Amino acid sequence: MVTRMHGDGELYEEIGRTYASTRREDPRIAALVVEAIGDAATIVNVGAGTGNYEPPDRFVVAVEPSTAMVRQRRGRTHRVVRASSEALPLVRRSFDVGLAILTIHHWRDVGAGLRELRRVSGRQVVFYFEPLHTHGFWALDYFPEALALPSERDAPGEQVLRRALRVQEVRTVPVPRDCTDGFGAAFWARPEAYADPRVQAGMSWLAQLPPAVRARGAAALTADLASGAWDRRHGHLRRLDEFDGGYRIAIAGG
């Protein structure tokens, strides 16, 4: 069983206050999410946050325990239930699709949350990151302390999903070079962003670190950019159009 130190909403009451300023839905990733959802008419979005990737043309109910996140919802469904993933106050199979977007690594009990998602929906679409892949991301060289965070150290991958859901397919989500959603590896070819405090505040893996640790990592990164050391090691990334940062969409049902 994978557990978390924080509940679904507790963490984001602390770090999520400016989330909406850098976490804006990327249309190319949104298209992949919609494709995975298919023709489902009713959707429950668990751990919904500010509502990124909720299809605007469907009946959507958002489940989000954090007041700070709910307050930042703009242009998304107003049907918001305050609850945790492990105890959804919803009837069995009351939705066509259960959606979870970059959230399961923060759930207190991932297995219980996924079983609840399966209980209330006929199909499940989970956008997550594969830790065995993401833990090799270059930015961790500058902020290695992030690997000790519970949300990163115990991040659930495909094997965890398969134990709780009947996973039918796992699809890779390429991250565009100019991705507009500032999640963890979004700036893989724009390294300067990781030294920006505003960008750091929108990434849980950085926002959870002590300010002194973030400042030290940002200073080291800035120095490597100025000296050309970063480009000597990773400059080839600037020439790519997209990058596999370990992000995946799991589609499950039954």
C-alpha atoms as a PDB file:
ATOM      1  CA  MET A   1       0.000   0.000   0.000  1.00  0.00           C
ATOM      2  CA  VAL A   2       1.314   3.442  -0.914  1.00  0.00           C
ATOM      3  CA  THR A   3       0.408   6.154   1.589  1.00  0.00           C
ATOM      4  CA  ARG A   4       0.958   9.882   1.876  1.00  0.00           C
ATOM      5  CA  MET A   5       1.834  12.188   4.753  1.00  0.00           C
ATOM      6  CA  HIS A   6      -0.638  14.779   3.469  1.00  0.00           C
ATOM      7  CA  GLY A   7      -4.301  14.333   2.763  1.00  0.00           C
ATOM      8  CA  ASP A   8      -5.638  15.237  -0.647  1.00  0.00           C
ATOM      9  CA  GLY A   9      -6.290  18.853   0.267  1.00  0.00           C
ATOM     10  CA  GLU A  10      -3.943  19.601   3.139  1.00  0.00           C
ATOM     11  CA  LEU A  11      -0.844  20.038   0.989  1.00  0.00           C
ATOM     12  CA  TYR A  12      -2.454  22.393  -1.503  1.00  0.00           C
ATOM     13  CA  GLU A  13      -3.834  24.629   1.215  1.00  0.00           C
ATOM     14  CA  GLU A  14      -0.136  25.312   1.854  1.00  0.00           C
ATOM     15  CA  ILE A  15       1.386  25.446  -1.630  1.00  0.00           C
ATOM     16  CA  GLY A  16      -1.532  25.883  -4.033  1.00  0.00           C
ATOM     17  CA  ARG A  17      -2.459  29.526  -3.529  1.00  0.00           C
ATOM     18  CA  THR A  18      -0.871  30.759  -6.784  1.00  0.00           C
ATOM     19  CA  TYR A  19      -1.305  27.537  -8.737  1.00  0.00           C
ATOM     20  CA  ALA A  20      -3.506  28.957 -11.483  1.00  0.00           C
ATOM     21  CA  SER A  21      -0.941  31.561 -12.548  1.00  0.00           C
ATOM     22  CA  THR A  22       1.477  29.010 -14.067  1.00  0.00           C
ATOM     23  CA  ARG A  23      -0.690  25.904 -14.465  1.00  0.00           C
ATOM     24  CA  ARG A  24      -2.744  26.554 -17.565  1.00  0.00           C
ATOM     25  CA  GLU A  25      -4.184  23.702 -19.616  1.00  0.00           C
ATOM     26  CA  ASP A  26      -2.089  22.825 -22.666  1.00  0.00           C
ATOM     27  CA  PRO A  27      -4.419  22.246 -25.665  1.00  0.00           C
ATOM     28  CA  ARG A  28      -2.303  19.420 -27.111  1.00  0.00           C
ATOM     29  CA  ILE A  29      -2.346  17.495 -23.865  1.00  0.00           C
ATOM     30  CA  ALA A  30      -6.039  18.306 -23.446  1.00  0.00           C
ATOM     31  CA  ALA A  31      -6.702  16.674 -26.818  1.00  0.00           C
ATOM     32  CA  LEU A  32      -5.023  13.480 -25.604  1.00  0.00           C
ATOM     33  CA  VAL A  33      -7.131  13.491 -22.442  1.00  0.00           C
ATOM     34  CA  VAL A  34     -10.344  14.001 -24.428  1.00  0.00           C
ATOM     35  CA  GLU A  35      -9.335  11.201 -26.794  1.00  0.00           C
ATOM     36  CA  ALA A  36      -8.880   8.869 -23.836  1.00  0.00           C
ATOM     37  CA  ILE A  37     -12.244   9.907 -22.376  1.00  0.00           C
ATOM     38  CA  GLY A  38     -13.975   9.081 -25.638  1.00  0.00           C
ATOM     39  CA  ASP A  39     -17.712   9.671 -25.926  1.00  0.00           C
ATOM     40  CA  ALA A  40     -18.430   9.585 -22.187  1.00  0.00           C
ATOM     41  CA  ALA A  41     -21.258  11.952 -21.290  1.00  0.00           C
ATOM     42  CA  THR A  42     -20.742  12.109 -17.522  1.00  0.00           C
ATOM     43  CA  ILE A  43     -17.390  12.559 -15.789  1.00  0.00           C
ATOM     44  CA  VAL A  44     -16.215  12.799 -12.197  1.00  0.00           C
ATOM     45  CA  ASN A  45     -12.841  14.508 -11.848  1.00  0.00           C
ATOM     46  CA  VAL A  46     -11.203  13.415  -8.593  1.00  0.00           C
ATOM     47  CA  GLY A  47      -8.447  15.588  -7.164  1.00  0.00           C
ATOM     48  CA  ALA A  48      -9.698  18.151  -9.648  1.00  0.00           C
ATOM     49  CA  GLY A  49      -7.717  21.159  -8.475  1.00  0.00           C
ATOM     50  CA  THR A  50      -8.417  24.222 -10.610  1.00  0.00           C
ATOM     51  CA  GLY A  51     -10.117  22.102 -13.265  1.00  0.00           C
ATOM     52  CA  ASN A  52      -7.501  21.813 -15.982  1.00  0.00           C
ATOM     53  CA  TYR A  53      -8.423  19.211 -18.618  1.00  0.00           C
ATOM     54  CA  GLU A  54     -12.086  18.990 -17.659  1.00  0.00           C
ATOM     55  CA  PRO A  55     -13.981  18.759 -20.979  1.00  0.00           C
ATOM     56  CA  PRO A  56     -16.264  21.808 -21.246  1.00  0.00           C
ATOM     57  CA  ASP A  57     -18.889  20.000 -23.319  1.00  0.00           C
ATOM     58  CA  ARG A  58     -19.684  17.193 -20.833  1.00  0.00           C
ATOM     59  CA  PHE A  59     -21.485  16.881 -17.509  1.00  0.00           C
ATOM     60  CA  VAL A  60     -18.608  17.096 -15.033  1.00  0.00           C
ATOM     61  CA  VAL A  61     -18.564  16.877 -11.255  1.00  0.00           C
ATOM     62  CA  ALA A  62     -15.288  17.887  -9.636  1.00  0.00           C
ATOM     63  CA  VAL A  63     -14.091  16.411  -6.357  1.00  0.00           C
ATOM     64  CA  GLU A  64     -11.523  18.647  -4.642  1.00  0.00           C
ATOM     65  CA  PRO A  65     -10.819  18.957  -0.909  1.00  0.00           C
ATOM     66  CA  SER A  66      -8.649  22.093  -1.044  1.00  0.00           C
ATOM     67  CA  THR A  67     -10.379  25.440  -0.603  1.00  0.00           C
ATOM     68  CA  ALA A  68      -7.345  27.214  -2.071  1.00  0.00           C
ATOM     69  CA  MET A  69      -7.691  25.238  -5.291  1.00  0.00           C
ATOM     70  CA  VAL A  70     -11.466  25.557  -5.575  1.00  0.00           C
ATOM     71  CA  ARG A  71     -11.199  29.337  -5.275  1.00  0.00           C
ATOM     72  CA  GLN A  72      -8.969  29.439  -8.365  1.00  0.00           C
ATOM     73  CA  ARG A  73     -11.361  27.568 -10.659  1.00  0.00           C
ATOM     74  CA  ARG A  74     -12.282  29.724 -13.648  1.00  0.00           C
ATOM     75  CA  GLY A  75     -14.487  28.699 -16.555  1.00  0.00           C
ATOM     76  CA  ARG A  76     -14.886  25.149 -15.211  1.00  0.00           C
ATOM     77  CA  THR A  77     -17.792  23.210 -13.796  1.00  0.00           C
ATOM     78  CA  HIS A  78     -19.409  24.712 -10.720  1.00  0.00           C
ATOM     79  CA  ARG A  79     -20.442  21.257  -9.526  1.00  0.00           C
ATOM     80  CA  VAL A  80     -17.706  20.824  -6.922  1.00  0.00           C
ATOM     81  CA  VAL A  81     -17.808  18.300  -4.091  1.00  0.00           C
ATOM     82  CA  ARG A  82     -15.461  18.780  -1.140  1.00  0.00           C
ATOM     83  CA  ALA A  83     -14.204  15.284  -0.387  1.00  0.00           C
ATOM     84  CA  SER A  84     -11.096  13.106  -0.374  1.00  0.00           C
ATOM     85  CA  SER A  85     -10.325  10.466  -2.976  1.00  0.00           C
ATOM     86  CA  GLU A  86     -10.549   7.635  -0.449  1.00  0.00           C
ATOM     87  CA  ALA A  87     -14.168   8.349   0.487  1.00  0.00           C
ATOM     88  CA  LEU A  88     -16.160   9.633  -2.472  1.00  0.00           C
ATOM     89  CA  PRO A  89     -19.739  10.547  -1.447  1.00  0.00           C
ATOM     90  CA  LEU A  90     -21.065   9.217  -4.744  1.00  0.00           C
ATOM     91  CA  VAL A  91     -23.243   6.321  -5.844  1.00  0.00           C
ATOM     92  CA  ARG A  92     -21.705   3.261  -7.449  1.00  0.00           C
ATOM     93  CA  ARG A  93     -21.264   3.557 -11.246  1.00  0.00           C
ATOM     94  CA  SER A  94     -22.886   6.998 -11.283  1.00  0.00           C
ATOM     95  CA  PHE A  95     -20.457   8.330 -13.938  1.00  0.00           C
ATOM     96  CA  ASP A  96     -19.297   7.088 -17.314  1.00  0.00           C
ATOM     97  CA  VAL A  97     -15.674   8.070 -16.635  1.00  0.00           C
ATOM     98  CA  GLY A  98     -13.649   8.727 -13.514  1.00  0.00           C
ATOM     99  CA  LEU A  99     -10.852  11.206 -14.261  1.00  0.00           C
ATOM    100  CA  ALA A 100      -7.673  11.847 -12.245  1.00  0.00           C
ATOM    101  CA  ILE A 101      -5.190  14.412 -13.576  1.00  0.00           C
ATOM    102  CA  LEU A 102      -1.654  14.584 -12.111  1.00  0.00           C
ATOM    103  CA  THR A 103      -3.044  14.008  -8.643  1.00  0.00           C
ATOM    104  CA  ILE A 104      -2.627  10.414  -7.480  1.00  0.00           C
ATOM    105  CA  HIS A 105       0.931  11.007  -6.185  1.00  0.00           C
ATOM    106  CA  HIS A 106      -0.640  13.261  -3.530  1.00  0.00           C
ATOM    107  CA  TRP A 107      -3.383  10.888  -2.384  1.00  0.00           C
ATOM    108  CA  ARG A 108      -3.037   9.639   1.179  1.00  0.00           C
ATOM    109  CA  ASP A 109      -3.921   6.051   0.219  1.00  0.00           C
ATOM    110  CA  VAL A 110      -3.528   5.585  -3.520  1.00  0.00           C
ATOM    111  CA  GLY A 111      -4.972   2.092  -3.647  1.00  0.00           C
ATOM    112  CA  ALA A 112      -8.115   3.096  -1.768  1.00  0.00           C
ATOM    113  CA  GLY A 113      -8.541   6.202  -3.918  1.00  0.00           C
ATOM    114  CA  LEU A 114      -8.230   4.253  -7.156  1.00  0.00           C
ATOM    115  CA  ARG A 115     -10.704   1.646  -5.934  1.00  0.00           C
ATOM    116  CA  GLU A 116     -13.141   4.441  -5.135  1.00  0.00           C
ATOM    117  CA  LEU A 117     -12.598   5.902  -8.606  1.00  0.00           C
ATOM    118  CA  ARG A 118     -13.412   2.498 -10.073  1.00  0.00           C
ATOM    119  CA  ARG A 119     -16.471   2.109  -7.834  1.00  0.00           C
ATOM    120  CA  VAL A 120     -18.139   5.313  -9.002  1.00  0.00           C
ATOM    121  CA  SER A 121     -17.319   5.091 -12.733  1.00  0.00           C
ATOM    122  CA  GLY A 122     -17.582   2.632 -15.590  1.00  0.00           C
ATOM    123  CA  ARG A 123     -14.182   3.608 -17.031  1.00  0.00           C
ATOM    124  CA  GLN A 124     -11.190   5.367 -15.542  1.00  0.00           C
ATOM    125  CA  VAL A 125      -8.712   7.767 -17.174  1.00  0.00           C
ATOM    126  CA  VAL A 126      -5.650   8.561 -15.075  1.00  0.00           C
ATOM    127  CA  PHE A 127      -2.988  11.070 -16.141  1.00  0.00           C
ATOM    128  CA  TYR A 128       0.100  10.366 -14.029  1.00  0.00           C
ATOM    129  CA  PHE A 129       3.882  10.251 -14.184  1.00  0.00           C
ATOM    130  CA  GLU A 130       5.981   7.123 -14.182  1.00  0.00           C
ATOM    131  CA  PRO A 131       8.538   7.610 -11.377  1.00  0.00           C
ATOM    132  CA  LEU A 132      11.099   5.230 -12.843  1.00  0.00           C
ATOM    133  CA  HIS A 133      11.267   7.603 -15.807  1.00  0.00           C
ATOM    134  CA  THR A 134      10.803  11.029 -14.230  1.00  0.00           C
ATOM    135  CA  HIS A 135      13.428  10.450 -11.555  1.00  0.00           C
ATOM    136  CA  GLY A 136      16.044  10.693 -14.302  1.00  0.00           C
ATOM    137  CA  PHE A 137      14.968  14.224 -15.271  1.00  0.00           C
ATOM    138  CA  TRP A 138      17.890  16.653 -15.468  1.00  0.00           C
ATOM    139  CA  ALA A 139      16.336  19.260 -13.144  1.00  0.00           C
ATOM    140  CA  LEU A 140      16.728  16.876 -10.225  1.00  0.00           C
ATOM    141  CA  ASP A 141      20.479  17.391 -10.487  1.00  0.00           C
ATOM    142  CA  TYR A 142      19.850  20.883  -9.115  1.00  0.00           C
ATOM    143  CA  PHE A 143      17.115  19.984  -6.624  1.00  0.00           C
ATOM    144  CA  PRO A 144      18.018  16.424  -5.510  1.00  0.00           C
ATOM    145  CA  GLU A 145      16.258  16.918  -2.182  1.00  0.00           C
ATOM    146  CA  ALA A 146      12.948  16.555  -4.033  1.00  0.00           C
ATOM    147  CA  LEU A 147      13.530  12.812  -4.360  1.00  0.00           C
ATOM    148  CA  ALA A 148      13.051  12.481  -0.595  1.00  0.00           C
ATOM    149  CA  LEU A 149       9.575  14.067  -0.654  1.00  0.00           C
ATOM    150  CA  PRO A 150       6.798  11.511  -0.053  1.00  0.00           C
ATOM    151  CA  SER A 151       5.000  12.591  -3.236  1.00  0.00           C
ATOM    152  CA  GLU A 152       8.120  11.818  -5.268  1.00  0.00           C
ATOM    153  CA  ARG A 153       9.753   9.004  -3.294  1.00  0.00           C
ATOM    154  CA  ASP A 154       6.554   6.935  -3.219  1.00  0.00           C
ATOM    155  CA  ALA A 155       4.988   8.170  -6.455  1.00  0.00           C
ATOM    156  CA  PRO A 156       2.667   5.488  -7.887  1.00  0.00           C
ATOM    157  CA  GLY A 157       3.454   4.141 -11.330  1.00  0.00           C
ATOM    158  CA  GLU A 158       1.803   1.688 -13.699  1.00  0.00           C
ATOM    159  CA  GLN A 159       2.170  -1.296 -11.380  1.00  0.00           C
ATOM    160  CA  VAL A 160       0.215   0.457  -8.627  1.00  0.00           C
ATOM    161  CA  LEU A 161      -2.550   1.383 -11.057  1.00  0.00           C
ATOM    162  CA  ARG A 162      -2.797  -2.175 -12.329  1.00  0.00           C
ATOM    163  CA  ARG A 163      -3.299  -3.518  -8.810  1.00  0.00           C
ATOM    164  CA  ALA A 164      -6.387  -1.346  -8.307  1.00  0.00           C
ATOM    165  CA  LEU A 165      -7.796  -0.884 -11.816  1.00  0.00           C
ATOM    166  CA  ARG A 166      -8.361  -3.078 -14.843  1.00  0.00           C
ATOM    167  CA  VAL A 167      -5.908  -1.171 -17.008  1.00  0.00           C
ATOM    168  CA  GLN A 168      -6.523  -1.739 -20.702  1.00  0.00           C
ATOM    169  CA  GLU A 169      -3.968   0.642 -22.180  1.00  0.00           C
ATOM    170  CA  VAL A 170      -1.207   3.039 -21.170  1.00  0.00           C
ATOM    171  CA  ARG A 171      -0.435   5.896 -23.545  1.00  0.00           C
ATOM    172  CA  THR A 172       2.606   8.164 -23.568  1.00  0.00           C
ATOM    173  CA  VAL A 173       1.934  11.891 -23.204  1.00  0.00           C
ATOM    174  CA  PRO A 174       4.689  13.817 -25.027  1.00  0.00           C
ATOM    175  CA  VAL A 175       5.448  17.209 -23.498  1.00  0.00           C
ATOM    176  CA  PRO A 176       5.636  19.979 -26.154  1.00  0.00           C
ATOM    177  CA  ARG A 177       8.660  22.267 -26.082  1.00  0.00           C
ATOM    178  CA  ASP A 178       6.365  25.263 -25.518  1.00  0.00           C
ATOM    179  CA  CYS A 179       4.005  23.516 -23.087  1.00  0.00           C
ATOM    180  CA  THR A 180       1.655  26.036 -21.466  1.00  0.00           C
ATOM    181  CA  ASP A 181       0.984  23.927 -18.374  1.00  0.00           C
ATOM    182  CA  GLY A 182       3.854  24.400 -15.944  1.00  0.00           C
ATOM    183  CA  PHE A 183       3.921  20.931 -14.374  1.00  0.00           C
ATOM    184  CA  GLY A 184       7.088  19.169 -13.252  1.00  0.00           C
ATOM    185  CA  ALA A 185       8.968  18.555 -16.524  1.00  0.00           C
ATOM    186  CA  ALA A 186       7.142  21.126 -18.656  1.00  0.00           C
ATOM    187  CA  PHE A 187      10.227  23.316 -19.058  1.00  0.00           C
ATOM    188  CA  TRP A 188      12.560  20.534 -20.147  1.00  0.00           C
ATOM    189  CA  ALA A 189      13.978  22.741 -22.956  1.00  0.00           C
ATOM    190  CA  ARG A 190      13.530  26.071 -21.148  1.00  0.00           C
ATOM    191  CA  PRO A 191      15.793  25.576 -18.132  1.00  0.00           C
ATOM    192  CA  GLU A 192      15.738  29.213 -17.056  1.00  0.00           C
ATOM    193  CA  ALA A 193      12.169  28.678 -15.827  1.00  0.00           C
ATOM    194  CA  TYR A 194      13.268  26.408 -12.981  1.00  0.00           C
ATOM    195  CA  ALA A 195      15.081  29.336 -11.362  1.00  0.00           C
ATOM    196  CA  ASP A 196      11.899  31.455 -11.379  1.00  0.00           C
ATOM    197  CA  PRO A 197      10.166  31.477  -7.944  1.00  0.00           C
ATOM    198  CA  ARG A 198       6.759  31.919  -9.594  1.00  0.00           C
ATOM    199  CA  VAL A 199       7.272  28.776 -11.687  1.00  0.00           C
ATOM    200  CA  GLN A 200       8.593  26.886  -8.665  1.00  0.00           C
ATOM    201  CA  ALA A 201       5.450  27.771  -6.703  1.00  0.00           C
ATOM    202  CA  GLY A 202       3.286  25.962  -9.268  1.00  0.00           C
ATOM    203  CA  MET A 203       5.250  22.698  -9.142  1.00  0.00           C
ATOM    204  CA  SER A 204       4.595  20.600  -6.069  1.00  0.00           C
ATOM    205  CA  TRP A 205       7.981  18.880  -6.258  1.00  0.00           C
ATOM    206  CA  LEU A 206       9.678  22.276  -5.896  1.00  0.00           C
ATOM    207  CA  ALA A 207       7.075  24.142  -3.843  1.00  0.00           C
ATOM    208  CA  GLN A 208       7.387  21.601  -1.027  1.00  0.00           C
ATOM    209  CA  LEU A 209      11.117  22.235  -0.630  1.00  0.00           C
ATOM    210  CA  PRO A 210      12.418  24.743   1.940  1.00  0.00           C
ATOM    211  CA  PRO A 211      13.059  28.190   0.420  1.00  0.00           C
ATOM    212  CA  ALA A 212      16.795  27.927   1.078  1.00  0.00           C
ATOM    213  CA  VAL A 213      16.984  24.648  -0.829  1.00  0.00           C
ATOM    214  CA  ARG A 214      15.109  26.117  -3.787  1.00  0.00           C
ATOM    215  CA  ALA A 215      17.338  29.185  -3.778  1.00  0.00           C
ATOM    216  CA  ARG A 216      20.503  27.081  -3.688  1.00  0.00           C
ATOM    217  CA  GLY A 217      19.355  24.944  -6.614  1.00  0.00           C
ATOM    218  CA  ALA A 218      18.264  27.976  -8.611  1.00  0.00           C
ATOM    219  CA  ALA A 219      21.630  29.636  -8.048  1.00  0.00           C
ATOM    220  CA  ALA A 220      23.504  26.546  -9.253  1.00  0.00           C
ATOM    221  CA  LEU A 221      21.295  26.313 -12.334  1.00  0.00           C
ATOM    222  CA  THR A 222      21.711  30.014 -13.129  1.00  0.00           C
ATOM    223  CA  ALA A 223      25.484  29.672 -12.835  1.00  0.00           C
ATOM    224  CA  ASP A 224      25.527  26.666 -15.195  1.00  0.00           C
ATOM    225  CA  LEU A 225      23.406  28.520 -17.724  1.00  0.00           C
ATOM    226  CA  ALA A 226      25.719  31.537 -17.577  1.00  0.00           C
ATOM    227  CA  SER A 227      28.855  29.416 -18.003  1.00  0.00           C
ATOM    228  CA  GLY A 228      27.364  27.242 -20.731  1.00  0.00           C
ATOM    229  CA  ALA A 229      27.704  24.090 -18.614  1.00  0.00           C
ATOM    230  CA  TRP A 230      24.004  23.305 -18.862  1.00  0.00           C
ATOM    231  CA  ASP A 231      24.011  23.593 -22.653  1.00  0.00           C
ATOM    232  CA  ARG A 232      27.072  21.407 -22.953  1.00  0.00           C
ATOM    233  CA  ARG A 233      25.247  18.660 -21.081  1.00  0.00           C
ATOM    234  CA  HIS A 234      21.660  19.172 -22.217  1.00  0.00           C
ATOM    235  CA  GLY A 235      21.669  21.697 -25.066  1.00  0.00           C
ATOM    236  CA  HIS A 236      20.457  19.067 -27.543  1.00  0.00           C
ATOM    237  CA  LEU A 237      17.056  19.284 -25.842  1.00  0.00           C
ATOM    238  CA  ARG A 238      16.555  22.810 -27.155  1.00  0.00           C
ATOM    239  CA  ARG A 239      16.373  21.382 -30.685  1.00  0.00           C
ATOM    240  CA  LEU A 240      13.575  18.911 -29.958  1.00  0.00           C
ATOM    241  CA  ASP A 241       9.887  19.618 -30.518  1.00  0.00           C
ATOM    242  CA  GLU A 242       8.647  17.309 -27.775  1.00  0.00           C
ATOM    243  CA  PHE A 243      10.010  15.236 -24.920  1.00  0.00           C
ATOM    244  CA  ASP A 244       9.020  12.053 -23.104  1.00  0.00           C
ATOM    245  CA  GLY A 245       9.111  13.202 -19.499  1.00  0.00           C
ATOM    246  CA  GLY A 246       7.512  10.031 -18.180  1.00  0.00           C
ATOM    247  CA  TYR A 247       3.927  11.274 -18.323  1.00  0.00           C
ATOM    248  CA  ARG A 248       1.303   8.674 -19.121  1.00  0.00           C
ATOM    249  CA  ILE A 249      -2.449   8.240 -19.490  1.00  0.00           C
ATOM    250  CA  ALA A 250      -3.817   4.948 -18.198  1.00  0.00           C
ATOM    251  CA  ILE A 251      -7.211   3.872 -19.527  1.00  0.00           C
ATOM    252  CA  ALA A 252      -9.061   1.309 -17.461  1.00  0.00           C
ATOM    253  CA  GLY A 253     -12.525  -0.210 -17.264  1.00  0.00           C
ATOM    254  CA  GLY A 254     -14.651  -2.938 -15.834  1.00  0.00           C
END
